[in-house]
Amino acid sequence: MNLSPHFTLDELTRTATGLPNTPTAEHLAALTALCSTMLEPVRARFGPVSIHSGYRSAAVNAKIGGSPTSQHMRGEAADLHVPGHSIEEVFRWIVTESGLKYGQVILEGHTPANPTWIHLSLGEPWRVGSSCRQALTFDGSRYSAWRG
């Protein structure tokens, strides 16, 4: 099932946990908005996008150690990278040039000195089009405002 021209339900719900990860109709609406308003513009600018994590059921989120308030559990966030482009290049474009009405964009990954993905989420509340536009970095234990 396509959520937008270039993103499928399968890639936004994929998990290696072996646990069920089936979104509700409300989650599907959020995933569709995420794909069309956040992920499609990134793809249009940079090319194919690799999704690390999209929707997570509560069980999947708990198994991987996700935040108990994660927007992933509502279908409102994706962790991604764009092959052939640095994480920092894509992140900077999202924050400074894209005009996307994101909720959060966070440099994250396996080590704070070398982020390996971008967390990108819908603004709050996304259904009425507002956004909080937080640009953050994560050092492994705490979030900080991105300083550019």
N, C-alpha and C. Protein backbone atom coordinates (compact mmCIF):
# COMPACT_ATOMS: atom_id res chain seq x y z
N MET A 1 0.84 -1.19 0.00
CA MET A 1 0.00 0.00 0.00
C MET A 1 0.88 1.24 0.00
N ASN A 2 0.63 2.15 -0.93
CA ASN A 2 1.36 3.41 -0.97
C ASN A 2 0.74 4.43 -0.02
N LEU A 3 1.60 5.12 0.74
CA LEU A 3 1.16 6.21 1.60
C LEU A 3 1.31 7.55 0.87
N SER A 4 2.21 7.57 -0.10
CA SER A 4 2.46 8.74 -0.95
C SER A 4 3.13 8.19 -2.21
N PRO A 5 3.44 9.03 -3.19
CA PRO A 5 4.01 8.49 -4.43
C PRO A 5 5.27 7.62 -4.26
N HIS A 6 6.11 7.91 -3.26
CA HIS A 6 7.38 7.20 -3.14
C HIS A 6 7.57 6.44 -1.83
N PHE A 7 6.56 6.38 -0.98
CA PHE A 7 6.71 5.72 0.32
C PHE A 7 5.56 4.74 0.55
N THR A 8 5.89 3.56 1.04
CA THR A 8 4.91 2.51 1.25
C THR A 8 4.67 2.25 2.74
N LEU A 9 3.55 1.67 3.02
CA LEU A 9 3.23 1.27 4.38
C LEU A 9 4.27 0.28 4.90
N ASP A 10 4.69 -0.64 4.04
CA ASP A 10 5.67 -1.64 4.46
C ASP A 10 6.96 -0.99 4.98
N GLU A 11 7.49 0.00 4.24
CA GLU A 11 8.75 0.59 4.70
C GLU A 11 8.59 1.47 5.94
N LEU A 12 7.39 1.97 6.17
CA LEU A 12 7.14 2.80 7.36
C LEU A 12 6.70 1.99 8.57
N THR A 13 6.53 0.68 8.42
CA THR A 13 6.14 -0.17 9.55
C THR A 13 7.12 -1.32 9.77
N ARG A 14 8.16 -1.39 8.99
CA ARG A 14 9.13 -2.48 9.08
C ARG A 14 9.79 -2.51 10.46
N THR A 15 9.93 -3.72 11.00
CA THR A 15 10.61 -3.89 12.29
C THR A 15 11.32 -5.23 12.31
N ALA A 16 12.45 -5.27 12.98
CA ALA A 16 13.20 -6.52 13.13
C ALA A 16 12.89 -7.19 14.47
N THR A 17 11.95 -6.66 15.21
CA THR A 17 11.65 -7.20 16.54
C THR A 17 10.86 -8.49 16.51
N GLY A 18 10.15 -8.75 15.41
CA GLY A 18 9.28 -9.91 15.34
C GLY A 18 7.92 -9.68 15.98
N LEU A 19 7.71 -8.49 16.52
CA LEU A 19 6.44 -8.15 17.18
C LEU A 19 5.46 -7.57 16.18
N PRO A 20 4.15 -7.72 16.43
CA PRO A 20 3.16 -7.09 15.55
C PRO A 20 3.34 -5.58 15.52
N ASN A 21 3.15 -5.00 14.34
CA ASN A 21 3.36 -3.56 14.18
C ASN A 21 2.34 -3.02 13.17
N THR A 22 1.07 -3.19 13.49
CA THR A 22 -0.01 -2.82 12.58
C THR A 22 -0.66 -1.51 13.03
N PRO A 23 -0.58 -0.48 12.19
CA PRO A 23 -1.18 0.81 12.56
C PRO A 23 -2.70 0.81 12.44
N THR A 24 -3.34 1.64 13.25
CA THR A 24 -4.79 1.86 13.16
C THR A 24 -5.07 2.85 12.04
N ALA A 25 -6.34 3.11 11.77
CA ALA A 25 -6.73 4.10 10.76
C ALA A 25 -6.17 5.48 11.12
N GLU A 26 -6.19 5.82 12.40
CA GLU A 26 -5.64 7.11 12.84
C GLU A 26 -4.14 7.18 12.59
N HIS A 27 -3.43 6.09 12.86
CA HIS A 27 -1.98 6.05 12.58
C HIS A 27 -1.72 6.16 11.08
N LEU A 28 -2.56 5.49 10.27
CA LEU A 28 -2.39 5.57 8.82
C LEU A 28 -2.56 7.00 8.31
N ALA A 29 -3.51 7.73 8.88
CA ALA A 29 -3.71 9.13 8.49
C ALA A 29 -2.45 9.94 8.81
N ALA A 30 -1.89 9.71 9.98
CA ALA A 30 -0.67 10.44 10.36
C ALA A 30 0.50 10.04 9.47
N LEU A 31 0.65 8.75 9.20
CA LEU A 31 1.74 8.29 8.32
C LEU A 31 1.61 8.88 6.93
N THR A 32 0.39 8.97 6.43
CA THR A 32 0.16 9.56 5.11
C THR A 32 0.56 11.03 5.11
N ALA A 33 0.20 11.76 6.15
CA ALA A 33 0.60 13.17 6.27
C ALA A 33 2.11 13.30 6.39
N LEU A 34 2.73 12.44 7.17
CA LEU A 34 4.19 12.45 7.33
C LEU A 34 4.87 12.25 5.98
N CYS A 35 4.41 11.25 5.24
CA CYS A 35 5.02 10.96 3.94
C CYS A 35 4.83 12.09 2.95
N SER A 36 3.60 12.61 2.85
CA SER A 36 3.33 13.63 1.83
C SER A 36 3.91 14.99 2.19
N THR A 37 3.92 15.37 3.46
CA THR A 37 4.36 16.73 3.81
C THR A 37 5.81 16.82 4.28
N MET A 38 6.41 15.72 4.72
CA MET A 38 7.79 15.75 5.21
C MET A 38 8.75 14.94 4.33
N LEU A 39 8.41 13.67 4.10
CA LEU A 39 9.35 12.79 3.41
C LEU A 39 9.41 13.04 1.90
N GLU A 40 8.28 13.30 1.27
CA GLU A 40 8.29 13.57 -0.18
C GLU A 40 9.15 14.80 -0.52
N PRO A 41 9.05 15.92 0.22
CA PRO A 41 9.93 17.05 -0.09
C PRO A 41 11.42 16.73 0.07
N VAL A 42 11.77 15.92 1.07
CA VAL A 42 13.18 15.52 1.23
C VAL A 42 13.60 14.69 0.02
N ARG A 43 12.75 13.77 -0.41
CA ARG A 43 13.07 12.95 -1.58
C ARG A 43 13.17 13.80 -2.84
N ALA A 44 12.28 14.77 -3.00
CA ALA A 44 12.32 15.64 -4.18
C ALA A 44 13.63 16.41 -4.26
N ARG A 45 14.17 16.78 -3.13
CA ARG A 45 15.41 17.56 -3.10
C ARG A 45 16.65 16.69 -3.24
N PHE A 46 16.66 15.51 -2.60
CA PHE A 46 17.89 14.71 -2.50
C PHE A 46 17.85 13.35 -3.20
N GLY A 47 16.69 12.87 -3.55
CA GLY A 47 16.59 11.52 -4.12
C GLY A 47 16.09 10.53 -3.08
N PRO A 48 16.16 9.23 -3.40
CA PRO A 48 15.60 8.21 -2.53
C PRO A 48 16.05 8.33 -1.07
N VAL A 49 15.09 8.10 -0.18
CA VAL A 49 15.27 8.22 1.26
C VAL A 49 15.23 6.83 1.87
N SER A 50 16.14 6.55 2.78
CA SER A 50 16.16 5.28 3.49
C SER A 50 15.54 5.47 4.87
N ILE A 51 14.47 4.72 5.15
CA ILE A 51 13.76 4.82 6.42
C ILE A 51 14.32 3.80 7.40
N HIS A 52 14.80 4.27 8.54
CA HIS A 52 15.28 3.37 9.61
C HIS A 52 14.11 2.91 10.47
N SER A 53 13.20 3.83 10.79
CA SER A 53 12.08 3.54 11.66
C SER A 53 10.96 4.52 11.36
N GLY A 54 9.75 4.02 11.28
CA GLY A 54 8.57 4.86 11.10
C GLY A 54 7.61 4.58 12.24
N TYR A 55 6.43 4.07 11.90
CA TYR A 55 5.45 3.73 12.93
C TYR A 55 5.99 2.61 13.82
N ARG A 56 5.73 2.74 15.14
CA ARG A 56 6.06 1.68 16.10
C ARG A 56 4.86 1.43 16.99
N SER A 57 4.43 0.19 17.07
CA SER A 57 3.41 -0.14 18.07
C SER A 57 4.04 0.07 19.45
N ALA A 58 3.22 0.13 20.48
CA ALA A 58 3.74 0.31 21.84
C ALA A 58 4.72 -0.81 22.19
N ALA A 59 4.42 -2.04 21.78
CA ALA A 59 5.29 -3.17 22.08
C ALA A 59 6.64 -3.04 21.36
N VAL A 60 6.61 -2.66 20.09
CA VAL A 60 7.85 -2.47 19.33
C VAL A 60 8.66 -1.34 19.95
N ASN A 61 8.00 -0.23 20.26
CA ASN A 61 8.69 0.91 20.85
C ASN A 61 9.36 0.53 22.17
N ALA A 62 8.66 -0.21 23.02
CA ALA A 62 9.23 -0.64 24.31
C ALA A 62 10.42 -1.58 24.08
N LYS A 63 10.29 -2.50 23.14
CA LYS A 63 11.35 -3.48 22.86
C LYS A 63 12.65 -2.81 22.43
N ILE A 64 12.55 -1.74 21.65
CA ILE A 64 13.77 -1.08 21.17
C ILE A 64 14.25 0.02 22.11
N GLY A 65 13.53 0.25 23.21
CA GLY A 65 13.94 1.28 24.17
C GLY A 65 13.55 2.68 23.77
N GLY A 66 12.49 2.82 22.96
CA GLY A 66 12.03 4.15 22.55
C GLY A 66 11.39 4.91 23.70
N SER A 67 11.29 6.21 23.54
CA SER A 67 10.64 7.06 24.54
C SER A 67 9.18 6.65 24.70
N PRO A 68 8.68 6.63 25.93
CA PRO A 68 7.27 6.28 26.12
C PRO A 68 6.30 7.29 25.53
N THR A 69 6.79 8.46 25.14
CA THR A 69 5.95 9.48 24.51
C THR A 69 6.31 9.69 23.03
N SER A 70 7.01 8.74 22.45
CA SER A 70 7.51 8.87 21.08
C SER A 70 6.39 9.12 20.07
N GLN A 71 6.64 10.06 19.17
CA GLN A 71 5.70 10.31 18.07
C GLN A 71 5.67 9.13 17.09
N HIS A 72 6.67 8.27 17.13
CA HIS A 72 6.65 7.07 16.28
C HIS A 72 5.41 6.24 16.59
N MET A 73 4.98 6.18 17.85
CA MET A 73 3.82 5.36 18.23
C MET A 73 2.51 5.95 17.71
N ARG A 74 2.54 7.19 17.26
CA ARG A 74 1.34 7.81 16.69
C ARG A 74 1.43 7.90 15.16
N GLY A 75 2.52 7.38 14.60
CA GLY A 75 2.70 7.44 13.14
C GLY A 75 3.14 8.81 12.66
N GLU A 76 3.66 9.64 13.56
CA GLU A 76 3.99 11.02 13.23
C GLU A 76 5.48 11.29 13.05
N ALA A 77 6.32 10.23 13.04
CA ALA A 77 7.76 10.45 12.95
C ALA A 77 8.44 9.34 12.16
N ALA A 78 9.56 9.70 11.56
CA ALA A 78 10.41 8.73 10.86
C ALA A 78 11.86 9.07 11.13
N ASP A 79 12.68 8.04 11.25
CA ASP A 79 14.13 8.20 11.32
C ASP A 79 14.66 7.81 9.94
N LEU A 80 15.55 8.62 9.39
CA LEU A 80 15.95 8.44 8.00
C LEU A 80 17.37 8.88 7.73
N HIS A 81 17.87 8.48 6.59
CA HIS A 81 19.06 9.07 5.99
C HIS A 81 18.86 9.03 4.48
N VAL A 82 19.67 9.81 3.77
CA VAL A 82 19.59 9.85 2.31
C VAL A 82 20.93 9.36 1.77
N PRO A 83 20.96 8.17 1.17
CA PRO A 83 22.21 7.65 0.62
C PRO A 83 22.85 8.66 -0.34
N GLY A 84 24.16 8.81 -0.20
CA GLY A 84 24.90 9.72 -1.07
C GLY A 84 24.96 11.15 -0.57
N HIS A 85 24.30 11.44 0.55
CA HIS A 85 24.31 12.78 1.12
C HIS A 85 24.61 12.66 2.61
N SER A 86 25.37 13.60 3.13
CA SER A 86 25.69 13.55 4.55
C SER A 86 24.45 13.87 5.38
N ILE A 87 24.41 13.30 6.56
CA ILE A 87 23.33 13.57 7.50
C ILE A 87 23.24 15.07 7.75
N GLU A 88 24.39 15.72 7.94
CA GLU A 88 24.42 17.14 8.24
C GLU A 88 23.88 17.98 7.08
N GLU A 89 24.19 17.60 5.84
CA GLU A 89 23.70 18.33 4.66
C GLU A 89 22.17 18.29 4.60
N VAL A 90 21.60 17.12 4.78
CA VAL A 90 20.14 16.97 4.72
C VAL A 90 19.49 17.71 5.89
N PHE A 91 20.06 17.53 7.08
CA PHE A 91 19.53 18.20 8.28
C PHE A 91 19.52 19.72 8.09
N ARG A 92 20.65 20.27 7.65
CA ARG A 92 20.76 21.73 7.45
C ARG A 92 19.72 22.22 6.44
N TRP A 93 19.51 21.48 5.35
CA TRP A 93 18.51 21.88 4.36
C TRP A 93 17.12 21.89 4.98
N ILE A 94 16.78 20.85 5.74
CA ILE A 94 15.47 20.78 6.38
C ILE A 94 15.26 22.00 7.27
N VAL A 95 16.26 22.33 8.06
CA VAL A 95 16.13 23.41 9.05
C VAL A 95 16.16 24.79 8.41
N THR A 96 17.08 25.00 7.47
CA THR A 96 17.32 26.37 6.99
C THR A 96 16.70 26.73 5.65
N GLU A 97 16.40 25.74 4.81
CA GLU A 97 15.95 26.06 3.45
C GLU A 97 14.61 25.47 3.06
N SER A 98 14.22 24.37 3.65
CA SER A 98 13.09 23.60 3.13
C SER A 98 11.73 24.26 3.33
N GLY A 99 11.57 25.00 4.41
CA GLY A 99 10.26 25.55 4.73
C GLY A 99 9.29 24.53 5.30
N LEU A 100 9.77 23.31 5.57
CA LEU A 100 8.90 22.28 6.13
C LEU A 100 8.39 22.70 7.50
N LYS A 101 7.14 22.41 7.77
CA LYS A 101 6.53 22.74 9.06
C LYS A 101 6.63 21.53 9.99
N TYR A 102 7.88 21.12 10.24
CA TYR A 102 8.13 19.95 11.07
C TYR A 102 7.87 20.26 12.55
N GLY A 103 7.70 19.21 13.31
CA GLY A 103 7.61 19.35 14.76
C GLY A 103 9.01 19.34 15.34
N GLN A 104 9.72 18.26 15.05
CA GLN A 104 11.11 18.15 15.47
C GLN A 104 11.94 17.58 14.34
N VAL A 105 13.16 18.04 14.25
CA VAL A 105 14.18 17.43 13.41
C VAL A 105 15.39 17.29 14.32
N ILE A 106 15.88 16.05 14.44
CA ILE A 106 16.93 15.76 15.42
C ILE A 106 18.05 14.97 14.75
N LEU A 107 19.29 15.42 14.97
CA LEU A 107 20.46 14.64 14.56
C LEU A 107 20.65 13.56 15.61
N GLU A 108 20.52 12.30 15.22
CA GLU A 108 20.64 11.19 16.15
C GLU A 108 21.52 10.11 15.54
N GLY A 109 21.80 9.10 16.33
CA GLY A 109 22.53 7.96 15.79
C GLY A 109 23.29 7.21 16.85
N HIS A 110 24.24 6.45 16.36
CA HIS A 110 24.95 5.54 17.25
C HIS A 110 25.98 6.23 18.12
N THR A 111 26.57 7.31 17.65
CA THR A 111 27.50 8.08 18.48
C THR A 111 27.20 9.56 18.29
N PRO A 112 27.26 10.35 19.37
CA PRO A 112 26.97 11.78 19.25
C PRO A 112 27.88 12.51 18.27
N ALA A 113 29.15 12.09 18.18
CA ALA A 113 30.08 12.77 17.28
C ALA A 113 29.85 12.40 15.82
N ASN A 114 29.11 11.32 15.59
CA ASN A 114 28.89 10.85 14.23
C ASN A 114 27.44 10.38 14.08
N PRO A 115 26.48 11.32 13.98
CA PRO A 115 25.08 10.91 13.85
C PRO A 115 24.86 10.10 12.58
N THR A 116 23.95 9.14 12.67
CA THR A 116 23.72 8.25 11.54
C THR A 116 22.30 8.33 10.99
N TRP A 117 21.43 9.12 11.63
CA TRP A 117 20.10 9.32 11.07
C TRP A 117 19.52 10.64 11.55
N ILE A 118 18.45 11.02 10.87
CA ILE A 118 17.69 12.22 11.21
C ILE A 118 16.30 11.77 11.65
N HIS A 119 15.87 12.24 12.80
CA HIS A 119 14.50 12.03 13.26
C HIS A 119 13.71 13.23 12.73
N LEU A 120 12.62 12.97 12.02
CA LEU A 120 11.80 14.03 11.45
C LEU A 120 10.34 13.75 11.81
N SER A 121 9.68 14.74 12.42
CA SER A 121 8.30 14.51 12.85
C SER A 121 7.38 15.64 12.43
N LEU A 122 6.10 15.29 12.41
CA LEU A 122 5.06 16.27 12.11
C LEU A 122 4.96 17.28 13.24
N GLY A 123 4.53 18.50 12.90
CA GLY A 123 4.31 19.53 13.92
C GLY A 123 3.13 19.19 14.80
N GLU A 124 3.07 19.80 15.94
CA GLU A 124 1.98 19.56 16.91
C GLU A 124 1.01 20.72 16.89
N PRO A 125 -0.26 20.55 16.86
CA PRO A 125 -0.89 19.32 16.37
C PRO A 125 -0.92 19.34 14.85
N TRP A 126 -0.47 18.30 14.21
CA TRP A 126 -0.30 18.28 12.76
C TRP A 126 -1.62 18.40 12.02
N ARG A 127 -2.69 18.01 12.61
CA ARG A 127 -3.98 18.03 11.89
C ARG A 127 -4.44 19.44 11.53
N VAL A 128 -3.98 20.44 12.27
CA VAL A 128 -4.39 21.81 11.95
C VAL A 128 -3.23 22.62 11.37
N GLY A 129 -2.14 21.96 11.05
CA GLY A 129 -1.07 22.61 10.31
C GLY A 129 -0.10 23.47 11.10
N SER A 130 -0.14 23.44 12.41
CA SER A 130 0.83 24.22 13.16
C SER A 130 2.10 23.40 13.36
N SER A 131 3.15 24.03 13.81
CA SER A 131 4.39 23.30 14.05
C SER A 131 5.17 23.98 15.16
N CYS A 132 6.00 23.20 15.81
CA CYS A 132 6.84 23.80 16.84
C CYS A 132 8.26 24.01 16.33
N ARG A 133 8.64 23.37 15.24
CA ARG A 133 9.93 23.55 14.57
C ARG A 133 11.11 23.55 15.54
N GLN A 134 11.29 22.44 16.24
CA GLN A 134 12.46 22.26 17.10
C GLN A 134 13.56 21.58 16.31
N ALA A 135 14.73 22.20 16.23
CA ALA A 135 15.91 21.59 15.62
C ALA A 135 16.86 21.25 16.76
N LEU A 136 17.14 19.94 16.90
CA LEU A 136 17.87 19.46 18.07
C LEU A 136 19.01 18.53 17.68
N THR A 137 19.92 18.34 18.61
CA THR A 137 20.94 17.30 18.53
C THR A 137 20.78 16.42 19.77
N PHE A 138 21.26 15.20 19.68
CA PHE A 138 21.18 14.27 20.81
C PHE A 138 22.57 13.74 21.07
N ASP A 139 23.06 13.92 22.29
CA ASP A 139 24.43 13.50 22.63
C ASP A 139 24.52 12.12 23.25
N GLY A 140 23.45 11.37 23.20
CA GLY A 140 23.42 10.05 23.79
C GLY A 140 22.69 10.01 25.11
N SER A 141 22.54 11.18 25.74
CA SER A 141 21.80 11.22 27.00
C SER A 141 20.84 12.39 27.10
N ARG A 142 21.11 13.48 26.37
CA ARG A 142 20.20 14.61 26.45
C ARG A 142 20.13 15.32 25.10
N TYR A 143 19.01 16.04 24.93
CA TYR A 143 18.77 16.82 23.72
C TYR A 143 19.20 18.26 23.95
N SER A 144 19.75 18.86 22.89
CA SER A 144 20.16 20.26 22.94
C SER A 144 19.71 20.95 21.67
N ALA A 145 19.48 22.24 21.77
CA ALA A 145 19.13 23.02 20.57
C ALA A 145 20.28 22.98 19.59
N TRP A 146 19.96 22.79 18.31
CA TRP A 146 20.97 22.82 17.25
C TRP A 146 21.46 24.24 17.11
N ARG A 147 22.75 24.42 17.04
CA ARG A 147 23.35 25.76 16.98
C ARG A 147 23.78 26.16 15.56
N GLY A 148 23.60 25.28 14.60
CA GLY A 148 23.92 25.61 13.22
C GLY A 148 25.36 25.71 12.99
